[in-house]
Amino acid sequence: PSRRDLCLAAAAAAPMDESFGRILASLLLVRWAAALVSNITDCDETYNFWEPTHYALFGSGWQTWEYSPTHALRSALYIFDHAAFGW
């Protein structure tokens, strides 16, 4: 058999290591816990899409200058990604 065949056979025969699943679950748990207890360091970057989304959906609220037609620094496509959650 060729080297490639041996590698494929070894990969097929070896089950996924259980420790990998435990490590992945541990990392996800740590990230989840960190998200629950961490402070929001920059509220402008965190909440700046909810007001323009509300403005786009309902026609009222604040339109931030980044999304205004005058400046248009940010694309409206980003706020439409959040429109499904705001509706």
C-alpha atoms as a PDB file:
ATOM      1  CA  PRO A   1       0.000   0.000   0.000  1.00  0.00           C
ATOM      2  CA  SER A   2       1.057   3.557  -0.636  1.00  0.00           C
ATOM      3  CA  ARG A   3       1.803   6.066   2.055  1.00  0.00           C
ATOM      4  CA  ARG A   4      -1.384   7.933   1.230  1.00  0.00           C
ATOM      5  CA  ASP A   5      -3.461   4.762   1.678  1.00  0.00           C
ATOM      6  CA  LEU A   6      -1.833   4.108   5.044  1.00  0.00           C
ATOM      7  CA  CYS A   7      -2.582   7.653   6.207  1.00  0.00           C
ATOM      8  CA  LEU A   8      -6.202   7.410   5.092  1.00  0.00           C
ATOM      9  CA  ALA A   9      -6.624   4.050   6.814  1.00  0.00           C
ATOM     10  CA  ALA A  10      -5.118   5.373  10.033  1.00  0.00           C
ATOM     11  CA  ALA A  11      -7.351   8.452   9.958  1.00  0.00           C
ATOM     12  CA  ALA A  12     -10.459   6.350   9.352  1.00  0.00           C
ATOM     13  CA  ALA A  13      -9.581   3.884  12.104  1.00  0.00           C
ATOM     14  CA  ALA A  14      -8.831   6.483  14.786  1.00  0.00           C
ATOM     15  CA  PRO A  15     -11.996   7.735  16.504  1.00  0.00           C
ATOM     16  CA  MET A  16     -12.199  11.350  17.575  1.00  0.00           C
ATOM     17  CA  ASP A  17     -10.395  11.822  20.821  1.00  0.00           C
ATOM     18  CA  GLU A  18     -12.806  12.422  23.713  1.00  0.00           C
ATOM     19  CA  SER A  19     -10.462  14.934  25.274  1.00  0.00           C
ATOM     20  CA  PHE A  20     -10.913  17.215  22.243  1.00  0.00           C
ATOM     21  CA  GLY A  21     -14.648  17.404  22.944  1.00  0.00           C
ATOM     22  CA  ARG A  22     -14.016  18.149  26.595  1.00  0.00           C
ATOM     23  CA  ILE A  23     -11.510  20.870  25.755  1.00  0.00           C
ATOM     24  CA  LEU A  24     -13.907  22.420  23.240  1.00  0.00           C
ATOM     25  CA  ALA A  25     -16.788  22.330  25.729  1.00  0.00           C
ATOM     26  CA  SER A  26     -14.574  23.892  28.395  1.00  0.00           C
ATOM     27  CA  LEU A  27     -13.505  26.700  26.085  1.00  0.00           C
ATOM     28  CA  LEU A  28     -17.099  27.410  25.068  1.00  0.00           C
ATOM     29  CA  LEU A  29     -18.154  27.463  28.725  1.00  0.00           C
ATOM     30  CA  VAL A  30     -15.391  29.926  29.585  1.00  0.00           C
ATOM     31  CA  ARG A  31     -16.366  32.192  26.671  1.00  0.00           C
ATOM     32  CA  TRP A  32     -20.014  32.064  27.685  1.00  0.00           C
ATOM     33  CA  ALA A  33     -19.196  32.886  31.309  1.00  0.00           C
ATOM     34  CA  ALA A  34     -16.922  35.742  30.226  1.00  0.00           C
ATOM     35  CA  ALA A  35     -19.706  37.185  28.096  1.00  0.00           C
ATOM     36  CA  LEU A  36     -22.056  37.154  31.076  1.00  0.00           C
ATOM     37  CA  VAL A  37     -19.755  38.920  33.505  1.00  0.00           C
ATOM     38  CA  SER A  38     -17.706  41.245  31.314  1.00  0.00           C
ATOM     39  CA  ASN A  39     -18.386  44.944  31.069  1.00  0.00           C
ATOM     40  CA  ILE A  40     -19.175  46.603  27.790  1.00  0.00           C
ATOM     41  CA  THR A  41     -16.080  48.651  27.127  1.00  0.00           C
ATOM     42  CA  ASP A  42     -17.341  50.698  24.205  1.00  0.00           C
ATOM     43  CA  CYS A  43     -21.080  51.257  24.209  1.00  0.00           C
ATOM     44  CA  ASP A  44     -20.943  53.201  20.952  1.00  0.00           C
ATOM     45  CA  GLU A  45     -19.686  50.197  19.034  1.00  0.00           C
ATOM     46  CA  THR A  46     -22.020  47.829  20.863  1.00  0.00           C
ATOM     47  CA  TYR A  47     -25.326  49.690  20.661  1.00  0.00           C
ATOM     48  CA  ASN A  48     -24.813  51.886  17.629  1.00  0.00           C
ATOM     49  CA  PHE A  49     -26.790  49.611  15.336  1.00  0.00           C
ATOM     50  CA  TRP A  50     -30.000  49.298  17.375  1.00  0.00           C
ATOM     51  CA  GLU A  51     -31.164  52.887  16.967  1.00  0.00           C
ATOM     52  CA  PRO A  52     -30.611  52.974  13.184  1.00  0.00           C
ATOM     53  CA  THR A  53     -32.315  49.569  12.932  1.00  0.00           C
ATOM     54  CA  HIS A  54     -35.336  50.886  14.825  1.00  0.00           C
ATOM     55  CA  TYR A  55     -35.335  53.980  12.628  1.00  0.00           C
ATOM     56  CA  ALA A  56     -35.232  51.837   9.476  1.00  0.00           C
ATOM     57  CA  LEU A  57     -37.972  49.495  10.669  1.00  0.00           C
ATOM     58  CA  PHE A  58     -40.420  51.885  12.298  1.00  0.00           C
ATOM     59  CA  GLY A  59     -39.483  55.335  10.988  1.00  0.00           C
ATOM     60  CA  SER A  60     -38.882  56.770  14.444  1.00  0.00           C
ATOM     61  CA  GLY A  61     -35.926  56.970  16.769  1.00  0.00           C
ATOM     62  CA  TRP A  62     -32.416  58.256  16.320  1.00  0.00           C
ATOM     63  CA  GLN A  63     -30.543  58.072  13.090  1.00  0.00           C
ATOM     64  CA  THR A  64     -26.879  58.123  13.934  1.00  0.00           C
ATOM     65  CA  TRP A  65     -24.554  60.170  11.819  1.00  0.00           C
ATOM     66  CA  GLU A  66     -22.607  57.123  10.613  1.00  0.00           C
ATOM     67  CA  TYR A  67     -25.687  55.805   8.792  1.00  0.00           C
ATOM     68  CA  SER A  68     -27.161  59.128   7.668  1.00  0.00           C
ATOM     69  CA  PRO A  69     -27.266  59.754   3.910  1.00  0.00           C
ATOM     70  CA  THR A  70     -25.142  62.870   4.423  1.00  0.00           C
ATOM     71  CA  HIS A  71     -22.121  61.030   5.821  1.00  0.00           C
ATOM     72  CA  ALA A  72     -22.838  57.347   5.055  1.00  0.00           C
ATOM     73  CA  LEU A  73     -19.727  56.034   6.788  1.00  0.00           C
ATOM     74  CA  ARG A  74     -21.345  52.658   7.400  1.00  0.00           C
ATOM     75  CA  SER A  75     -23.419  50.509   5.113  1.00  0.00           C
ATOM     76  CA  ALA A  76     -27.091  50.013   5.903  1.00  0.00           C
ATOM     77  CA  LEU A  77     -26.658  46.332   5.076  1.00  0.00           C
ATOM     78  CA  TYR A  78     -25.194  45.804   8.530  1.00  0.00           C
ATOM     79  CA  ILE A  79     -28.268  47.127  10.313  1.00  0.00           C
ATOM     80  CA  PHE A  80     -30.573  45.029   8.153  1.00  0.00           C
ATOM     81  CA  ASP A  81     -28.811  41.938   9.486  1.00  0.00           C
ATOM     82  CA  HIS A  82     -30.143  42.934  12.915  1.00  0.00           C
ATOM     83  CA  ALA A  83     -33.598  43.873  11.651  1.00  0.00           C
ATOM     84  CA  ALA A  84     -34.853  40.301  12.043  1.00  0.00           C
ATOM     85  CA  PHE A  85     -34.115  40.490  15.783  1.00  0.00           C
ATOM     86  CA  GLY A  86     -35.520  44.002  16.138  1.00  0.00           C
ATOM     87  CA  TRP A  87     -38.774  43.253  14.385  1.00  0.00           C
END
